[in-house]
Amino acid sequence: MLLKDFYSVENIEKISNEKYNATVFLNKAHDIFKGHFPGNPVTPGVCMMQIIKELSQEILGSSLILKSSSNVKFMALINPEINPKLKLELDFSGDLDSDIKVKNTTFFDDTVALKLFNTYKKA
């Protein structure tokens, strides 16, 4: 975990060979929220992208390097004081020995907070 104690994983559920759902909880007391933003904490987008990478690494059992991101859409602010529980859908495709493609949709409650398409390579 790049950011110590930033989040915890409740579970990772295999839906099919390509699809997984994960539930994570953000730590609303983490130092990053003191500066982003005082009195109105917002989860930084780059931190969300790191969570997706770390979950993908855990699922695949391999270190990954981000090659590209596309169609990145931050659709709702994630305030960890109001919505600390996030559900992430991860759909994998591509050649797992070269380009690993991950399509993600992140939700809190019924709200879509983030959609993106990342391409990784094994480290």
Foldseek 3Di string as FASTA:
>chain_A
DVQPQQKDWPDWADPDPFKIKTKMFGDLPRPVQCVCPNPFGFDDPVVVVVVVQVVVCVVVVFHKDWDDKPPKDQDDTDRNVVFRMKMKMWGWDDDLQAKIKIWIWMDGPPDTGITIIIIIHTD
